[in-house]
Protein backbone atom coordinates (compact mmCIF):
# COMPACT_ATOMS: atom_id res chain seq x y z
CA MET A 1 -76.25 -97.13 -232.00
CA ALA A 2 -77.28 -100.29 -233.87
CA LEU A 3 -76.09 -100.70 -237.43
CA ASN A 4 -78.65 -100.08 -240.17
CA VAL A 5 -78.45 -103.30 -242.20
CA ASP A 6 -80.61 -103.85 -245.29
CA LEU A 7 -79.98 -107.18 -247.02
CA HIS A 8 -82.75 -107.27 -249.63
CA SER A 9 -83.05 -104.90 -252.59
CA HIS A 10 -83.41 -104.92 -256.36
CA SER A 11 -82.02 -102.99 -259.30
CA SER A 12 -82.92 -102.62 -262.96
CA ARG A 13 -80.93 -105.78 -263.60
CA SER A 14 -84.08 -107.63 -262.51
CA ASP A 15 -87.39 -105.92 -261.67
CA GLY A 16 -86.21 -102.76 -259.91
CA VAL A 17 -86.12 -99.39 -261.64
CA LEU A 18 -82.71 -97.97 -260.62
CA PRO A 19 -79.31 -99.16 -261.88
CA PRO A 20 -77.17 -100.90 -259.25
CA ALA A 21 -74.97 -97.87 -258.61
CA GLN A 22 -78.02 -95.68 -257.99
CA VAL A 23 -79.45 -98.22 -255.55
CA ALA A 24 -76.13 -98.06 -253.69
CA ALA A 25 -76.29 -94.26 -253.62
CA ARG A 26 -79.86 -94.34 -252.33
CA ALA A 27 -78.98 -96.85 -249.62
CA TYR A 28 -76.14 -94.60 -248.49
CA ALA A 29 -78.38 -91.52 -248.53
CA GLN A 30 -80.97 -93.36 -246.44
CA GLY A 31 -78.41 -94.06 -243.73
CA VAL A 32 -77.80 -97.75 -244.48
CA ASP A 33 -74.49 -99.02 -243.08
CA TRP A 34 -74.44 -102.48 -244.71
CA TRP A 35 -76.41 -103.27 -247.84
CA SER A 36 -77.05 -106.18 -250.18
CA LEU A 37 -78.19 -106.11 -253.78
CA SER A 38 -80.25 -109.29 -254.28
CA ASP A 39 -81.74 -109.23 -257.76
CA HIS A 40 -84.10 -111.97 -258.84
CA ASP A 41 -82.18 -114.94 -260.29
CA GLU A 42 -79.45 -112.60 -261.52
CA THR A 43 -76.00 -111.51 -260.32
CA SER A 44 -74.87 -109.31 -263.22
CA GLY A 45 -75.35 -106.11 -261.20
CA LEU A 46 -73.13 -107.12 -258.30
CA ALA A 47 -69.83 -105.82 -259.68
CA GLU A 48 -71.30 -102.37 -260.32
CA ALA A 49 -73.00 -102.40 -256.92
CA ALA A 50 -69.82 -103.39 -255.12
CA ALA A 51 -67.77 -100.70 -256.85
CA ALA A 52 -70.32 -98.01 -256.03
CA ALA A 53 -70.58 -99.13 -252.41
CA ARG A 54 -66.80 -99.15 -252.05
CA GLU A 55 -66.56 -95.59 -253.37
CA LEU A 56 -69.24 -94.44 -250.93
CA GLY A 57 -67.79 -96.27 -247.94
CA LEU A 58 -70.93 -98.39 -247.74
CA GLY A 59 -70.60 -101.96 -246.50
CA PHE A 60 -71.67 -104.42 -249.20
CA ILE A 61 -72.87 -108.04 -249.10
CA PRO A 62 -73.31 -109.67 -252.55
CA GLY A 63 -76.66 -111.40 -252.84
CA VAL A 64 -79.30 -112.96 -255.06
CA GLU A 65 -82.97 -113.88 -254.65
CA ILE A 66 -83.81 -117.28 -256.13
CA SER A 67 -87.32 -118.36 -257.09
CA VAL A 68 -88.16 -121.93 -256.08
CA THR A 69 -91.17 -124.22 -255.80
CA PHE A 70 -92.21 -125.79 -252.50
CA CYS A 71 -95.56 -127.46 -251.82
CA GLU A 72 -96.75 -126.32 -255.25
CA ARG A 73 -96.19 -122.65 -254.44
CA THR A 74 -93.52 -120.17 -255.42
CA ILE A 75 -91.28 -118.91 -252.66
CA HIS A 76 -88.04 -116.95 -252.65
CA VAL A 77 -84.70 -117.82 -251.08
CA LEU A 78 -82.02 -115.20 -250.55
CA GLY A 79 -78.40 -116.17 -251.06
CA LEU A 80 -76.25 -113.76 -249.04
CA ASN A 81 -72.49 -113.25 -249.19
CA ILE A 82 -72.21 -115.42 -252.29
CA ASP A 83 -69.46 -115.84 -254.85
CA PRO A 84 -71.40 -114.94 -258.03
CA GLU A 85 -68.85 -116.71 -260.23
CA GLN A 86 -69.32 -120.13 -258.62
CA THR A 87 -70.13 -122.67 -261.36
CA ASP A 88 -73.17 -124.40 -259.87
CA LEU A 89 -74.83 -121.13 -258.94
CA LYS A 90 -74.22 -119.60 -262.36
CA ALA A 91 -75.60 -122.67 -264.13
CA GLY A 92 -78.70 -122.83 -261.94
CA LEU A 93 -79.51 -119.15 -262.33
CA GLY A 94 -78.96 -119.39 -266.07
CA ALA A 95 -81.54 -122.15 -266.33
CA ILE A 96 -84.05 -120.07 -264.36
CA ARG A 97 -83.53 -117.06 -266.61
CA ARG A 98 -84.18 -119.20 -269.69
CA SER A 99 -87.46 -120.33 -268.15
CA ARG A 100 -88.35 -116.72 -267.38
CA PHE A 101 -87.60 -115.73 -270.97
CA ASP A 102 -89.86 -118.48 -272.33
CA ARG A 103 -92.65 -117.46 -269.95
CA ALA A 104 -92.46 -113.85 -271.16
CA GLY A 105 -93.33 -115.02 -274.66
CA GLU A 106 -96.33 -116.93 -273.31
CA ILE A 107 -97.55 -113.90 -271.37
CA ALA A 108 -97.32 -111.76 -274.50
CA GLU A 109 -99.36 -114.33 -276.46
CA ARG A 110 -102.05 -114.42 -273.79
CA LEU A 111 -102.22 -110.64 -273.67
CA ARG A 112 -102.60 -110.64 -277.44
CA ASP A 113 -105.58 -112.95 -276.99
CA CYS A 114 -106.95 -110.29 -274.64
CA GLY A 115 -106.68 -107.72 -277.42
CA ILE A 116 -103.41 -106.16 -276.24
CA ASP A 117 -100.82 -106.24 -279.01
CA ASP A 118 -97.07 -105.59 -278.81
CA ALA A 119 -96.99 -106.37 -275.09
CA TYR A 120 -93.59 -108.06 -275.32
CA GLU A 121 -91.99 -105.05 -276.98
CA GLY A 122 -93.67 -102.79 -274.43
CA ALA A 123 -92.45 -104.84 -271.49
CA LEU A 124 -88.96 -104.93 -272.96
CA ARG A 125 -88.78 -101.14 -272.77
CA HIS A 126 -89.14 -101.44 -269.01
CA ALA A 127 -86.58 -104.22 -268.62
CA ASP A 128 -82.90 -103.33 -268.46
CA ASN A 129 -82.07 -107.03 -268.73
CA PRO A 130 -83.92 -108.87 -271.57
CA GLU A 131 -83.35 -112.21 -269.82
CA LEU A 132 -85.32 -111.02 -266.81
CA ILE A 133 -88.54 -109.79 -268.41
CA GLY A 134 -91.13 -110.55 -265.76
CA ARG A 135 -94.73 -109.86 -264.90
CA VAL A 136 -93.91 -106.50 -263.33
CA HIS A 137 -92.47 -105.26 -266.64
CA PHE A 138 -95.68 -106.25 -268.42
CA ALA A 139 -97.62 -104.54 -265.64
CA ARG A 140 -95.66 -101.32 -266.16
CA HIS A 141 -96.44 -101.47 -269.88
CA LEU A 142 -100.16 -102.06 -269.22
CA LEU A 143 -100.21 -99.08 -266.85
CA GLU A 144 -98.33 -96.91 -269.34
CA GLN A 145 -100.81 -97.79 -272.10
CA GLY A 146 -103.88 -97.14 -269.96
CA HIS A 147 -105.07 -100.75 -269.73
CA CYS A 148 -105.11 -100.43 -265.94
CA LYS A 149 -104.93 -97.73 -263.30
CA SER A 150 -102.22 -99.26 -261.13
CA LEU A 151 -99.66 -102.04 -261.12
CA GLN A 152 -101.83 -103.98 -258.70
CA GLN A 153 -104.79 -103.70 -261.06
CA ALA A 154 -102.64 -105.12 -263.87
CA PHE A 155 -102.09 -108.20 -261.73
CA ASP A 156 -105.72 -108.36 -260.62
CA ARG A 157 -107.00 -108.20 -264.19
CA TYR A 158 -104.34 -109.92 -266.27
CA LEU A 159 -101.12 -111.13 -264.68
CA GLY A 160 -101.92 -112.57 -261.27
CA ASP A 161 -102.08 -116.30 -260.63
CA GLY A 162 -104.98 -117.77 -262.58
CA LYS A 163 -105.79 -114.54 -264.45
CA ARG A 164 -106.22 -114.28 -268.22
CA ALA A 165 -102.59 -113.60 -269.09
CA PHE A 166 -101.00 -115.68 -266.35
CA ALA A 167 -98.41 -118.16 -267.61
CA PRO A 168 -97.23 -120.75 -265.08
CA ILE A 169 -93.59 -121.58 -264.58
CA ARG A 170 -91.92 -124.45 -262.76
CA TRP A 171 -89.12 -123.18 -260.59
CA PRO A 172 -86.29 -125.35 -259.25
CA ALA A 173 -86.72 -127.20 -255.99
CA LEU A 174 -85.95 -125.54 -252.68
CA GLU A 175 -83.17 -128.02 -252.06
CA SER A 176 -81.43 -127.11 -255.32
CA ALA A 177 -81.34 -123.41 -254.51
CA VAL A 178 -79.91 -124.07 -251.04
CA ASP A 179 -77.25 -126.31 -252.58
CA TRP A 180 -76.23 -123.59 -255.07
CA ILE A 181 -76.00 -120.95 -252.37
CA ARG A 182 -73.92 -123.15 -250.10
CA ALA A 183 -71.62 -124.11 -252.98
CA ALA A 184 -71.11 -120.38 -253.58
CA GLY A 185 -70.03 -119.90 -249.97
CA GLY A 186 -73.19 -118.03 -248.98
CA LYS A 187 -75.96 -118.30 -246.43
CA ALA A 188 -79.44 -119.36 -247.57
CA VAL A 189 -82.28 -117.29 -246.07
CA ILE A 190 -86.03 -117.70 -246.60
CA ALA A 191 -87.28 -114.33 -247.85
CA HIS A 192 -90.43 -112.59 -246.54
CA PRO A 193 -92.21 -115.70 -245.16
CA GLY A 194 -95.30 -113.64 -244.36
CA ARG A 195 -96.22 -113.60 -248.06
CA TYR A 196 -96.64 -117.35 -248.38
CA ARG A 197 -100.08 -118.86 -248.03
CA TYR A 198 -99.09 -122.01 -246.23
CA THR A 199 -100.85 -123.85 -243.47
CA PRO A 200 -99.00 -124.20 -240.15
CA GLN A 201 -98.16 -127.77 -241.14
CA GLN A 202 -96.74 -126.64 -244.49
CA PHE A 203 -94.64 -123.99 -242.78
CA ASP A 204 -93.28 -126.68 -240.48
CA ALA A 205 -92.42 -128.80 -243.51
CA LEU A 206 -90.77 -125.79 -245.19
CA PHE A 207 -88.62 -124.94 -242.19
CA ASP A 208 -87.72 -128.58 -241.54
CA THR A 209 -86.72 -129.20 -245.17
CA PHE A 210 -84.81 -125.93 -245.39
CA LYS A 211 -82.83 -126.53 -242.22
CA ALA A 212 -82.08 -130.17 -243.07
CA ARG A 213 -80.62 -129.05 -246.41
CA GLY A 214 -78.37 -126.45 -244.83
CA GLY A 215 -80.48 -123.29 -244.87
CA VAL A 216 -79.55 -121.01 -241.99
CA GLY A 217 -81.69 -117.89 -242.03
CA LEU A 218 -85.18 -116.41 -241.95
CA GLU A 219 -86.07 -112.88 -243.06
CA VAL A 220 -87.86 -111.93 -239.86
CA VAL A 221 -88.12 -108.22 -240.67
CA ALA A 222 -89.33 -107.76 -244.23
CA SER A 223 -91.41 -105.32 -246.21
CA GLY A 224 -95.08 -106.07 -245.77
CA HIS A 225 -94.60 -107.92 -242.49
CA THR A 226 -96.93 -106.67 -239.80
CA PRO A 227 -95.64 -106.37 -236.22
CA ALA A 228 -97.49 -109.59 -235.44
CA GLN A 229 -95.77 -111.38 -238.32
CA CYS A 230 -92.36 -110.08 -237.23
CA ALA A 231 -93.05 -111.52 -233.78
CA ARG A 232 -94.28 -114.81 -235.26
CA TYR A 233 -91.21 -115.32 -237.42
CA ALA A 234 -88.92 -114.24 -234.60
CA GLN A 235 -90.40 -117.11 -232.62
CA ALA A 236 -89.93 -119.44 -235.59
CA ALA A 237 -86.29 -118.37 -235.92
CA GLN A 238 -85.68 -119.15 -232.26
CA ALA A 239 -87.54 -122.46 -232.43
CA TYR A 240 -85.59 -123.69 -235.46
CA GLY A 241 -82.26 -122.11 -234.58
CA PHE A 242 -82.31 -119.85 -237.63
CA GLU A 243 -80.31 -116.67 -237.88
CA ALA A 244 -82.46 -113.59 -238.55
CA SER A 245 -82.28 -111.20 -241.48
CA ARG A 246 -83.71 -107.76 -242.20
CA GLY A 247 -84.52 -106.24 -245.59
CA SER A 248 -86.66 -103.64 -247.29
CA ASP A 249 -87.17 -105.52 -250.59
CA PHE A 250 -86.64 -102.14 -252.25
CA HIS A 251 -87.67 -101.95 -255.91
CA ALA A 252 -88.38 -98.28 -256.63
CA PRO A 253 -88.43 -94.87 -254.96
CA GLY A 254 -91.71 -93.53 -253.66
CA ILE A 255 -93.00 -96.64 -251.90
CA PRO A 256 -92.64 -95.86 -248.18
CA ARG A 257 -93.04 -99.40 -246.87
CA THR A 258 -90.16 -100.63 -249.01
CA GLU A 259 -87.74 -97.72 -248.69
CA LEU A 260 -84.13 -98.69 -248.13
CA GLY A 261 -83.07 -98.74 -244.50
CA ARG A 262 -86.54 -98.02 -243.12
CA ALA A 263 -87.52 -101.50 -241.90
CA PRO A 264 -87.94 -101.95 -238.13
CA PRO A 265 -84.98 -103.33 -236.17
CA LEU A 266 -84.65 -107.03 -235.47
CA PRO A 267 -86.53 -108.17 -232.37
CA ALA A 268 -84.37 -108.77 -229.32
CA GLY A 269 -82.86 -112.17 -228.66
CA LEU A 270 -82.21 -113.13 -232.29
CA VAL A 271 -78.88 -113.95 -233.92
CA PRO A 272 -78.30 -111.62 -236.92
CA VAL A 273 -77.42 -113.40 -240.15
CA TRP A 274 -74.68 -110.81 -240.66
CA ARG A 275 -72.87 -111.41 -237.38
CA ASP A 276 -69.96 -113.27 -239.07
CA TRP A 277 -69.45 -110.67 -241.81
CA LEU A 278 -69.46 -107.26 -240.13
C-alpha cells in the first residue's frame, strides 16, 4: 500500500485554526503516514509539531510556505525538510512578518474608512501569532460581526485584490526564497500552481527561473486542483525534471477538499519529492 504523504498544512501559528499539536493529531487520525507543517512565513510551530508527531509515531517533515512576488503576482513556495534555525531563512522570514504586520495596520485603517471600527483588535482575537495577522483573520472577524455571510464574501466585498480594504504588499523575489530554503538544507517546491493566473509564457518563465535558481519540486496534487490540472502539472514536472509533491493545504476542520490526507495520489511516472527522506 502506498504511503499517505501530506506535505502542506497550516496551524494557528499562521492562518490555520488548530495549534500545531492538534494538526499532528488530526493528520494521524486521518491516516497520514508522513506529514509536514508548513505555516505561512513562520516556523515557530515546528518544535511543537515535531514533538507531537514523534509521540504519535507520525513521520514529520519540517516545512514553511513563503510568499514571493513573480511577474507582479503573489505566489507561494514551500520549503520542505528545512532547518528552521538557519540564519538566512530566519532573517528572511522575519522581514516578511514585519511587512505583514505593517499591512495589517493598513487593512484596519481601510476598514475603518468603510465604517468598520476596531477591526485590528477583532482580527487579533483570531490570530494566535500577532506577527502573522493576515486577511483571513480580518475575514473571520467580519464574519463574526455580521458584515458578511461567509469568508469568501469578506474577500469579495472588502479584502480581495483591488477591493475597498485591500492593502498591497511587496513580497521578496522568488530567487530569494529559493536561496533561503537551499541554505536551510531544504527542497524548494512551487505550491498549488493551479491557483496562479499566469499565461503559458509566464508559467514557462516561472519554471525556468525556479529551476535555474535551484528549485526542485512542483506541488502536482494540491487542494483545489482539478484532475485536469493535476495531469497538466504532472506533465510540467516531467518536462522540467521537477520532483512532485502532494498536499492538502489544510487550514481548518470541516472543509472536505482540504482535509488532511485526502488528496488524490500522485500520478504515475513522477519522482516524489520525499523519496530521499522516507
